[in-house]
Amino acid sequence: MDGRVFSDSHDEPDGRPKVFTLGDHQVVKCWDLALTQAHQGDKLHLSCPSYYAYGGAFTQSNVGGEPLPLNADVQFEIDVVQCGRTPEWVK
């Protein structure tokens, strides 16, 4: 909530969007709950209390800098690119 960026899919390998199976515990609980209401093309702003995000777990930033403070509430900006399809991995 202090404005620091700790993750950005544009900084992932090849700048690809994050791909995951909803409800399979591959992302924070806040995403699993909120994205059930989302549709392809939606742009979401999620405010997640720590107990639905990282809680007391040590979480290092993907983009460098300081780790996320323990029990921090976090916010996410999410662009829903695609829904309801099995990912195809290209080598």
PDB file of N, CA and C in Angstrom:
ATOM      1  N   MET A   1       0.817  -1.200   0.000  1.00  0.00           N
ATOM      2  CA  MET A   1       0.000   0.000   0.000  1.00  0.00           C
ATOM      3  C   MET A   1       0.861   1.265   0.000  1.00  0.00           C
ATOM      4  N   ASP A   2       2.186   1.074   0.160  1.00  0.00           N
ATOM      5  CA  ASP A   2       3.076   2.238   0.193  1.00  0.00           C
ATOM      6  C   ASP A   2       3.528   2.668  -1.202  1.00  0.00           C
ATOM      7  N   GLY A   3       2.989   2.032  -2.246  1.00  0.00           N
ATOM      8  CA  GLY A   3       3.291   2.430  -3.610  1.00  0.00           C
ATOM      9  C   GLY A   3       4.401   1.641  -4.279  1.00  0.00           C
ATOM     10  N   ARG A   4       5.104   0.807  -3.534  1.00  0.00           N
ATOM     11  CA  ARG A   4       6.189   0.041  -4.175  1.00  0.00           C
ATOM     12  C   ARG A   4       5.610  -1.037  -5.082  1.00  0.00           C
ATOM     13  N   VAL A   5       6.296  -1.304  -6.161  1.00  0.00           N
ATOM     14  CA  VAL A   5       5.906  -2.365  -7.087  1.00  0.00           C
ATOM     15  C   VAL A   5       6.752  -3.577  -6.755  1.00  0.00           C
ATOM     16  N   PHE A   6       6.098  -4.687  -6.461  1.00  0.00           N
ATOM     17  CA  PHE A   6       6.856  -5.888  -6.106  1.00  0.00           C
ATOM     18  C   PHE A   6       6.729  -6.984  -7.149  1.00  0.00           C
ATOM     19  N   SER A   7       5.844  -6.809  -8.115  1.00  0.00           N
ATOM     20  CA  SER A   7       5.679  -7.792  -9.183  1.00  0.00           C
ATOM     21  C   SER A   7       5.081  -7.099 -10.395  1.00  0.00           C
ATOM     22  N   ASP A   8       5.511  -7.542 -11.582  1.00  0.00           N
ATOM     23  CA  ASP A   8       4.979  -6.978 -12.817  1.00  0.00           C
ATOM     24  C   ASP A   8       5.148  -8.022 -13.908  1.00  0.00           C
ATOM     25  N   SER A   9       4.041  -8.484 -14.485  1.00  0.00           N
ATOM     26  CA  SER A   9       4.126  -9.543 -15.502  1.00  0.00           C
ATOM     27  C   SER A   9       4.923  -9.106 -16.721  1.00  0.00           C
ATOM     28  N   HIS A  10       5.026  -7.812 -16.953  1.00  0.00           N
ATOM     29  CA  HIS A  10       5.829  -7.326 -18.075  1.00  0.00           C
ATOM     30  C   HIS A  10       7.316  -7.623 -17.868  1.00  0.00           C
ATOM     31  N   ASP A  11       7.706  -7.885 -16.608  1.00  0.00           N
ATOM     32  CA  ASP A  11       9.093  -8.220 -16.303  1.00  0.00           C
ATOM     33  C   ASP A  11       9.329  -9.729 -16.249  1.00  0.00           C
ATOM     34  N   GLU A  12       8.298 -10.507 -16.517  1.00  0.00           N
ATOM     35  CA  GLU A  12       8.438 -11.965 -16.567  1.00  0.00           C
ATOM     36  C   GLU A  12       9.178 -12.346 -17.851  1.00  0.00           C
ATOM     37  N   PRO A  13       9.708 -13.582 -17.911  1.00  0.00           N
ATOM     38  CA  PRO A  13      10.394 -14.005 -19.138  1.00  0.00           C
ATOM     39  C   PRO A  13       9.505 -13.800 -20.367  1.00  0.00           C
ATOM     40  N   ASP A  14      10.039 -13.184 -21.368  1.00  0.00           N
ATOM     41  CA  ASP A  14       9.348 -12.894 -22.628  1.00  0.00           C
ATOM     42  C   ASP A  14       8.173 -11.932 -22.460  1.00  0.00           C
ATOM     43  N   GLY A  15       7.988 -11.334 -21.279  1.00  0.00           N
ATOM     44  CA  GLY A  15       6.901 -10.392 -21.057  1.00  0.00           C
ATOM     45  C   GLY A  15       5.519 -10.993 -21.175  1.00  0.00           C
ATOM     46  N   ARG A  16       5.431 -12.296 -21.022  1.00  0.00           N
ATOM     47  CA  ARG A  16       4.148 -12.989 -21.157  1.00  0.00           C
ATOM     48  C   ARG A  16       3.251 -12.748 -19.954  1.00  0.00           C
ATOM     49  N   PRO A  17       1.943 -12.774 -20.168  1.00  0.00           N
ATOM     50  CA  PRO A  17       1.018 -12.649 -19.033  1.00  0.00           C
ATOM     51  C   PRO A  17       1.136 -13.853 -18.104  1.00  0.00           C
ATOM     52  N   LYS A  18       0.722 -13.670 -16.871  1.00  0.00           N
ATOM     53  CA  LYS A  18       0.705 -14.765 -15.904  1.00  0.00           C
ATOM     54  C   LYS A  18      -0.388 -15.751 -16.313  1.00  0.00           C
ATOM     55  N   VAL A  19      -0.052 -17.015 -16.344  1.00  0.00           N
ATOM     56  CA  VAL A  19      -0.993 -18.066 -16.725  1.00  0.00           C
ATOM     57  C   VAL A  19      -1.178 -18.977 -15.523  1.00  0.00           C
ATOM     58  N   PHE A  20      -2.427 -19.242 -15.161  1.00  0.00           N
ATOM     59  CA  PHE A  20      -2.702 -20.087 -14.004  1.00  0.00           C
ATOM     60  C   PHE A  20      -4.095 -20.675 -14.115  1.00  0.00           C
ATOM     61  N   THR A  21      -4.338 -21.689 -13.300  1.00  0.00           N
ATOM     62  CA  THR A  21      -5.655 -22.305 -13.233  1.00  0.00           C
ATOM     63  C   THR A  21      -6.376 -21.716 -12.033  1.00  0.00           C
ATOM     64  N   LEU A  22      -7.488 -21.077 -12.280  1.00  0.00           N
ATOM     65  CA  LEU A  22      -8.264 -20.440 -11.224  1.00  0.00           C
ATOM     66  C   LEU A  22      -8.752 -21.484 -10.222  1.00  0.00           C
ATOM     67  N   GLY A  23      -8.572 -21.200  -8.935  1.00  0.00           N
ATOM     68  CA  GLY A  23      -9.027 -22.084  -7.872  1.00  0.00           C
ATOM     69  C   GLY A  23      -8.075 -23.214  -7.544  1.00  0.00           C
ATOM     70  N   ASP A  24      -6.917 -23.250  -8.196  1.00  0.00           N
ATOM     71  CA  ASP A  24      -5.950 -24.324  -7.981  1.00  0.00           C
ATOM     72  C   ASP A  24      -4.807 -23.894  -7.063  1.00  0.00           C
ATOM     73  N   HIS A  25      -4.973 -22.795  -6.343  1.00  0.00           N
ATOM     74  CA  HIS A  25      -3.999 -22.277  -5.369  1.00  0.00           C
ATOM     75  C   HIS A  25      -2.653 -21.940  -6.009  1.00  0.00           C
ATOM     76  N   GLN A  26      -2.670 -21.514  -7.261  1.00  0.00           N
ATOM     77  CA  GLN A  26      -1.446 -21.122  -7.954  1.00  0.00           C
ATOM     78  C   GLN A  26      -1.158 -19.627  -7.804  1.00  0.00           C
ATOM     79  N   VAL A  27      -2.152 -18.888  -7.330  1.00  0.00           N
ATOM     80  CA  VAL A  27      -2.027 -17.451  -7.093  1.00  0.00           C
ATOM     81  C   VAL A  27      -2.565 -17.163  -5.695  1.00  0.00           C
ATOM     82  N   VAL A  28      -2.420 -15.930  -5.234  1.00  0.00           N
ATOM     83  CA  VAL A  28      -2.925 -15.594  -3.902  1.00  0.00           C
ATOM     84  C   VAL A  28      -4.444 -15.763  -3.845  1.00  0.00           C
ATOM     85  N   LYS A  29      -4.957 -16.040  -2.685  1.00  0.00           N
ATOM     86  CA  LYS A  29      -6.389 -16.309  -2.472  1.00  0.00           C
ATOM     87  C   LYS A  29      -7.263 -15.158  -2.988  1.00  0.00           C
ATOM     88  N   CYS A  30      -6.789 -13.948  -2.851  1.00  0.00           N
ATOM     89  CA  CYS A  30      -7.521 -12.771  -3.322  1.00  0.00           C
ATOM     90  C   CYS A  30      -7.837 -12.894  -4.806  1.00  0.00           C
ATOM     91  N   TRP A  31      -6.875 -13.359  -5.601  1.00  0.00           N
ATOM     92  CA  TRP A  31      -7.107 -13.536  -7.038  1.00  0.00           C
ATOM     93  C   TRP A  31      -8.108 -14.649  -7.278  1.00  0.00           C
ATOM     94  N   ASP A  32      -7.928 -15.786  -6.592  1.00  0.00           N
ATOM     95  CA  ASP A  32      -8.853 -16.909  -6.772  1.00  0.00           C
ATOM     96  C   ASP A  32     -10.290 -16.498  -6.472  1.00  0.00           C
ATOM     97  N   LEU A  33     -10.487 -15.645  -5.489  1.00  0.00           N
ATOM     98  CA  LEU A  33     -11.840 -15.195  -5.132  1.00  0.00           C
ATOM     99  C   LEU A  33     -12.375 -14.162  -6.120  1.00  0.00           C
ATOM    100  N   ALA A  34     -11.582 -13.159  -6.426  1.00  0.00           N
ATOM    101  CA  ALA A  34     -12.058 -12.036  -7.245  1.00  0.00           C
ATOM    102  C   ALA A  34     -12.228 -12.401  -8.713  1.00  0.00           C
ATOM    103  N   LEU A  35     -11.341 -13.216  -9.240  1.00  0.00           N
ATOM    104  CA  LEU A  35     -11.377 -13.490 -10.676  1.00  0.00           C
ATOM    105  C   LEU A  35     -12.526 -14.395 -11.090  1.00  0.00           C
ATOM    106  N   THR A  36     -13.227 -14.972 -10.134  1.00  0.00           N
ATOM    107  CA  THR A  36     -14.415 -15.750 -10.494  1.00  0.00           C
ATOM    108  C   THR A  36     -15.496 -14.843 -11.073  1.00  0.00           C
ATOM    109  N   GLN A  37     -15.419 -13.548 -10.782  1.00  0.00           N
ATOM    110  CA  GLN A  37     -16.400 -12.581 -11.267  1.00  0.00           C
ATOM    111  C   GLN A  37     -15.917 -11.823 -12.506  1.00  0.00           C
ATOM    112  N   ALA A  38     -14.688 -12.095 -12.947  1.00  0.00           N
ATOM    113  CA  ALA A  38     -14.091 -11.338 -14.050  1.00  0.00           C
ATOM    114  C   ALA A  38     -14.393 -11.977 -15.400  1.00  0.00           C
ATOM    115  N   HIS A  39     -14.267 -11.157 -16.429  1.00  0.00           N
ATOM    116  CA  HIS A  39     -14.471 -11.597 -17.806  1.00  0.00           C
ATOM    117  C   HIS A  39     -13.292 -11.147 -18.661  1.00  0.00           C
ATOM    118  N   GLN A  40     -13.104 -11.808 -19.764  1.00  0.00           N
ATOM    119  CA  GLN A  40     -12.053 -11.433 -20.698  1.00  0.00           C
ATOM    120  C   GLN A  40     -12.188  -9.957 -21.041  1.00  0.00           C
ATOM    121  N   GLY A  41     -11.070  -9.242 -20.989  1.00  0.00           N
ATOM    122  CA  GLY A  41     -11.054  -7.814 -21.302  1.00  0.00           C
ATOM    123  C   GLY A  41     -11.224  -6.911 -20.094  1.00  0.00           C
ATOM    124  N   ASP A  42     -11.618  -7.469 -18.944  1.00  0.00           N
ATOM    125  CA  ASP A  42     -11.783  -6.657 -17.732  1.00  0.00           C
ATOM    126  C   ASP A  42     -10.439  -6.125 -17.246  1.00  0.00           C
ATOM    127  N   LYS A  43     -10.480  -4.951 -16.649  1.00  0.00           N
ATOM    128  CA  LYS A  43      -9.323  -4.374 -15.982  1.00  0.00           C
ATOM    129  C   LYS A  43      -9.727  -4.218 -14.519  1.00  0.00           C
ATOM    130  N   LEU A  44      -8.992  -4.892 -13.641  1.00  0.00           N
ATOM    131  CA  LEU A  44      -9.356  -4.936 -12.234  1.00  0.00           C
ATOM    132  C   LEU A  44      -8.355  -4.203 -11.369  1.00  0.00           C
ATOM    133  N   HIS A  45      -8.853  -3.598 -10.313  1.00  0.00           N
ATOM    134  CA  HIS A  45      -8.015  -3.074  -9.242  1.00  0.00           C
ATOM    135  C   HIS A  45      -8.438  -3.835  -7.991  1.00  0.00           C
ATOM    136  N   LEU A  46      -7.543  -4.674  -7.493  1.00  0.00           N
ATOM    137  CA  LEU A  46      -7.859  -5.469  -6.301  1.00  0.00           C
ATOM    138  C   LEU A  46      -7.109  -4.927  -5.098  1.00  0.00           C
ATOM    139  N   SER A  47      -7.821  -4.682  -4.027  1.00  0.00           N
ATOM    140  CA  SER A  47      -7.215  -4.359  -2.740  1.00  0.00           C
ATOM    141  C   SER A  47      -7.352  -5.600  -1.878  1.00  0.00           C
ATOM    142  N   CYS A  48      -6.232  -6.200  -1.550  1.00  0.00           N
ATOM    143  CA  CYS A  48      -6.239  -7.488  -0.855  1.00  0.00           C
ATOM    144  C   CYS A  48      -5.686  -7.351   0.549  1.00  0.00           C
ATOM    145  N   PRO A  49      -6.479  -7.714   1.553  1.00  0.00           N
ATOM    146  CA  PRO A  49      -5.939  -7.745   2.911  1.00  0.00           C
ATOM    147  C   PRO A  49      -4.879  -8.839   3.000  1.00  0.00           C
ATOM    148  N   SER A  50      -3.936  -8.665   3.898  1.00  0.00           N
ATOM    149  CA  SER A  50      -2.791  -9.573   3.977  1.00  0.00           C
ATOM    150  C   SER A  50      -3.197 -11.039   4.090  1.00  0.00           C
ATOM    151  N   TYR A  51      -4.293 -11.333   4.814  1.00  0.00           N
ATOM    152  CA  TYR A  51      -4.682 -12.733   5.001  1.00  0.00           C
ATOM    153  C   TYR A  51      -5.217 -13.371   3.719  1.00  0.00           C
ATOM    154  N   TYR A  52      -5.521 -12.580   2.683  1.00  0.00           N
ATOM    155  CA  TYR A  52      -5.893 -13.128   1.378  1.00  0.00           C
ATOM    156  C   TYR A  52      -4.761 -12.941   0.356  1.00  0.00           C
ATOM    157  N   ALA A  53      -3.608 -12.459   0.828  1.00  0.00           N
ATOM    158  CA  ALA A  53      -2.462 -12.270  -0.061  1.00  0.00           C
ATOM    159  C   ALA A  53      -1.297 -13.124   0.445  1.00  0.00           C
ATOM    160  N   TYR A  54      -0.284 -12.489   1.020  1.00  0.00           N
ATOM    161  CA  TYR A  54       0.918 -13.212   1.428  1.00  0.00           C
ATOM    162  C   TYR A  54       1.017 -13.412   2.935  1.00  0.00           C
ATOM    163  N   GLY A  55       0.149 -12.741   3.711  1.00  0.00           N
ATOM    164  CA  GLY A  55       0.144 -12.910   5.160  1.00  0.00           C
ATOM    165  C   GLY A  55       1.513 -12.660   5.761  1.00  0.00           C
ATOM    166  N   GLY A  56       1.935 -13.558   6.640  1.00  0.00           N
ATOM    167  CA  GLY A  56       3.222 -13.424   7.314  1.00  0.00           C
ATOM    168  C   GLY A  56       4.367 -14.084   6.587  1.00  0.00           C
ATOM    169  N   ALA A  57       4.158 -14.485   5.336  1.00  0.00           N
ATOM    170  CA  ALA A  57       5.218 -15.153   4.570  1.00  0.00           C
ATOM    171  C   ALA A  57       6.222 -14.131   4.045  1.00  0.00           C
ATOM    172  N   PHE A  58       7.501 -14.494   4.085  1.00  0.00           N
ATOM    173  CA  PHE A  58       8.537 -13.657   3.485  1.00  0.00           C
ATOM    174  C   PHE A  58       8.333 -13.680   1.979  1.00  0.00           C
ATOM    175  N   THR A  59       8.180 -12.496   1.367  1.00  0.00           N
ATOM    176  CA  THR A  59       7.913 -12.404  -0.067  1.00  0.00           C
ATOM    177  C   THR A  59       8.889 -11.432  -0.701  1.00  0.00           C
ATOM    178  N   GLN A  60       9.812 -11.970  -1.492  1.00  0.00           N
ATOM    179  CA  GLN A  60      10.808 -11.149  -2.181  1.00  0.00           C
ATOM    180  C   GLN A  60      10.182 -10.544  -3.437  1.00  0.00           C
ATOM    181  N   SER A  61      10.552  -9.334  -3.734  1.00  0.00           N
ATOM    182  CA  SER A  61      10.055  -8.651  -4.926  1.00  0.00           C
ATOM    183  C   SER A  61      10.615  -9.287  -6.185  1.00  0.00           C
ATOM    184  N   ASN A  62       9.762  -9.476  -7.199  1.00  0.00           N
ATOM    185  CA  ASN A  62      10.210  -9.993  -8.500  1.00  0.00           C
ATOM    186  C   ASN A  62      10.965  -8.939  -9.300  1.00  0.00           C
ATOM    187  N   VAL A  63      10.787  -7.681  -8.954  1.00  0.00           N
ATOM    188  CA  VAL A  63      11.391  -6.602  -9.736  1.00  0.00           C
ATOM    189  C   VAL A  63      12.548  -5.935  -8.987  1.00  0.00           C
ATOM    190  N   GLY A  64      13.027  -6.569  -7.934  1.00  0.00           N
ATOM    191  CA  GLY A  64      14.134  -6.023  -7.154  1.00  0.00           C
ATOM    192  C   GLY A  64      13.641  -5.140  -6.024  1.00  0.00           C
ATOM    193  N   GLY A  65      14.567  -4.691  -5.240  1.00  0.00           N
ATOM    194  CA  GLY A  65      14.216  -3.840  -4.110  1.00  0.00           C
ATOM    195  C   GLY A  65      13.928  -4.648  -2.862  1.00  0.00           C
ATOM    196  N   GLU A  66      13.336  -3.996  -1.898  1.00  0.00           N
ATOM    197  CA  GLU A  66      13.080  -4.615  -0.606  1.00  0.00           C
ATOM    198  C   GLU A  66      11.963  -5.642  -0.690  1.00  0.00           C
ATOM    199  N   PRO A  67      12.005  -6.651   0.198  1.00  0.00           N
ATOM    200  CA  PRO A  67      10.901  -7.612   0.240  1.00  0.00           C
ATOM    201  C   PRO A  67       9.621  -6.938   0.731  1.00  0.00           C
ATOM    202  N   LEU A  68       8.516  -7.559   0.455  1.00  0.00           N
ATOM    203  CA  LEU A  68       7.223  -7.077   0.918  1.00  0.00           C
ATOM    204  C   LEU A  68       7.185  -7.171   2.442  1.00  0.00           C
ATOM    205  N   PRO A  69       6.725  -6.146   3.141  1.00  0.00           N
ATOM    206  CA  PRO A  69       6.635  -6.243   4.598  1.00  0.00           C
ATOM    207  C   PRO A  69       5.695  -7.383   5.012  1.00  0.00           C
ATOM    208  N   LEU A  70       6.018  -8.048   6.116  1.00  0.00           N
ATOM    209  CA  LEU A  70       5.159  -9.116   6.617  1.00  0.00           C
ATOM    210  C   LEU A  70       3.774  -8.566   6.929  1.00  0.00           C
ATOM    211  N   ASN A  71       2.760  -9.349   6.662  1.00  0.00           N
ATOM    212  CA  ASN A  71       1.367  -8.993   6.934  1.00  0.00           C
ATOM    213  C   ASN A  71       0.921  -7.701   6.247  1.00  0.00           C
ATOM    214  N   ALA A  72       1.469  -7.450   5.059  1.00  0.00           N
ATOM    215  CA  ALA A  72       1.131  -6.235   4.312  1.00  0.00           C
ATOM    216  C   ALA A  72      -0.141  -6.447   3.494  1.00  0.00           C
ATOM    217  N   ASP A  73      -1.025  -5.460   3.526  1.00  0.00           N
ATOM    218  CA  ASP A  73      -2.140  -5.424   2.589  1.00  0.00           C
ATOM    219  C   ASP A  73      -1.550  -5.003   1.243  1.00  0.00           C
ATOM    220  N   VAL A  74      -2.046  -5.561   0.152  1.00  0.00           N
ATOM    221  CA  VAL A  74      -1.473  -5.266  -1.164  1.00  0.00           C
ATOM    222  C   VAL A  74      -2.575  -4.932  -2.160  1.00  0.00           C
ATOM    223  N   GLN A  75      -2.182  -4.274  -3.230  1.00  0.00           N
ATOM    224  CA  GLN A  75      -3.092  -3.937  -4.315  1.00  0.00           C
ATOM    225  C   GLN A  75      -2.532  -4.508  -5.608  1.00  0.00           C
ATOM    226  N   PHE A  76      -3.423  -4.916  -6.487  1.00  0.00           N
ATOM    227  CA  PHE A  76      -3.037  -5.455  -7.785  1.00  0.00           C
ATOM    228  C   PHE A  76      -3.833  -4.749  -8.875  1.00  0.00           C
ATOM    229  N   GLU A  77      -3.171  -4.491  -9.987  1.00  0.00           N
ATOM    230  CA  GLU A  77      -3.812  -4.025 -11.207  1.00  0.00           C
ATOM    231  C   GLU A  77      -3.756  -5.212 -12.161  1.00  0.00           C
ATOM    232  N   ILE A  78      -4.907  -5.709 -12.600  1.00  0.00           N
ATOM    233  CA  ILE A  78      -4.954  -6.913 -13.417  1.00  0.00           C
ATOM    234  C   ILE A  78      -5.735  -6.636 -14.697  1.00  0.00           C
ATOM    235  N   ASP A  79      -5.144  -6.998 -15.815  1.00  0.00           N
ATOM    236  CA  ASP A  79      -5.832  -6.993 -17.105  1.00  0.00           C
ATOM    237  C   ASP A  79      -6.128  -8.450 -17.432  1.00  0.00           C
ATOM    238  N   VAL A  80      -7.402  -8.785 -17.550  1.00  0.00           N
ATOM    239  CA  VAL A  80      -7.794 -10.165 -17.861  1.00  0.00           C
ATOM    240  C   VAL A  80      -7.702 -10.332 -19.371  1.00  0.00           C
ATOM    241  N   VAL A  81      -6.693 -11.065 -19.810  1.00  0.00           N
ATOM    242  CA  VAL A  81      -6.426 -11.215 -21.237  1.00  0.00           C
ATOM    243  C   VAL A  81      -7.284 -12.316 -21.840  1.00  0.00           C
ATOM    244  N   GLN A  82      -7.365 -13.431 -21.138  1.00  0.00           N
ATOM    245  CA  GLN A  82      -8.111 -14.561 -21.680  1.00  0.00           C
ATOM    246  C   GLN A  82      -8.634 -15.409 -20.532  1.00  0.00           C
ATOM    247  N   CYS A  83      -9.773 -16.023 -20.722  1.00  0.00           N
ATOM    248  CA  CYS A  83     -10.401 -16.855 -19.693  1.00  0.00           C
ATOM    249  C   CYS A  83     -10.834 -18.193 -20.282  1.00  0.00           C
ATOM    250  N   GLY A  84     -10.860 -19.200 -19.426  1.00  0.00           N
ATOM    251  CA  GLY A  84     -11.503 -20.453 -19.772  1.00  0.00           C
ATOM    252  C   GLY A  84     -10.833 -21.276 -20.845  1.00  0.00           C
ATOM    253  N   ARG A  85      -9.514 -21.237 -20.914  1.00  0.00           N
ATOM    254  CA  ARG A  85      -8.848 -22.066 -21.911  1.00  0.00           C
ATOM    255  C   ARG A  85      -7.621 -22.693 -21.280  1.00  0.00           C
ATOM    256  N   THR A  86      -7.273 -23.864 -21.770  1.00  0.00           N
ATOM    257  CA  THR A  86      -6.064 -24.531 -21.319  1.00  0.00           C
ATOM    258  C   THR A  86      -4.873 -23.892 -22.024  1.00  0.00           C
ATOM    259  N   PRO A  87      -3.849 -23.470 -21.254  1.00  0.00           N
ATOM    260  CA  PRO A  87      -2.695 -22.816 -21.880  1.00  0.00           C
ATOM    261  C   PRO A  87      -1.957 -23.758 -22.830  1.00  0.00           C
ATOM    262  N   GLU A  88      -1.465 -23.200 -23.912  1.00  0.00           N
ATOM    263  CA  GLU A  88      -0.617 -23.941 -24.847  1.00  0.00           C
ATOM    264  C   GLU A  88       0.782 -23.369 -24.720  1.00  0.00           C
ATOM    265  N   TRP A  89       1.734 -24.204 -24.400  1.00  0.00           N
ATOM    266  CA  TRP A  89       3.106 -23.757 -24.194  1.00  0.00           C
ATOM    267  C   TRP A  89       3.875 -23.882 -25.501  1.00  0.00           C
ATOM    268  N   VAL A  90       4.495 -22.773 -25.896  1.00  0.00           N
ATOM    269  CA  VAL A  90       5.268 -22.727 -27.125  1.00  0.00           C
ATOM    270  C   VAL A  90       6.747 -22.731 -26.737  1.00  0.00           C
ATOM    271  N   LYS A  91       7.511 -23.616 -27.352  1.00  0.00           N
ATOM    272  CA  LYS A  91       8.954 -23.681 -27.038  1.00  0.00           C
ATOM    273  C   LYS A  91       9.743 -22.767 -27.912  1.00  0.00           C
TER     274      LYS A  91
END
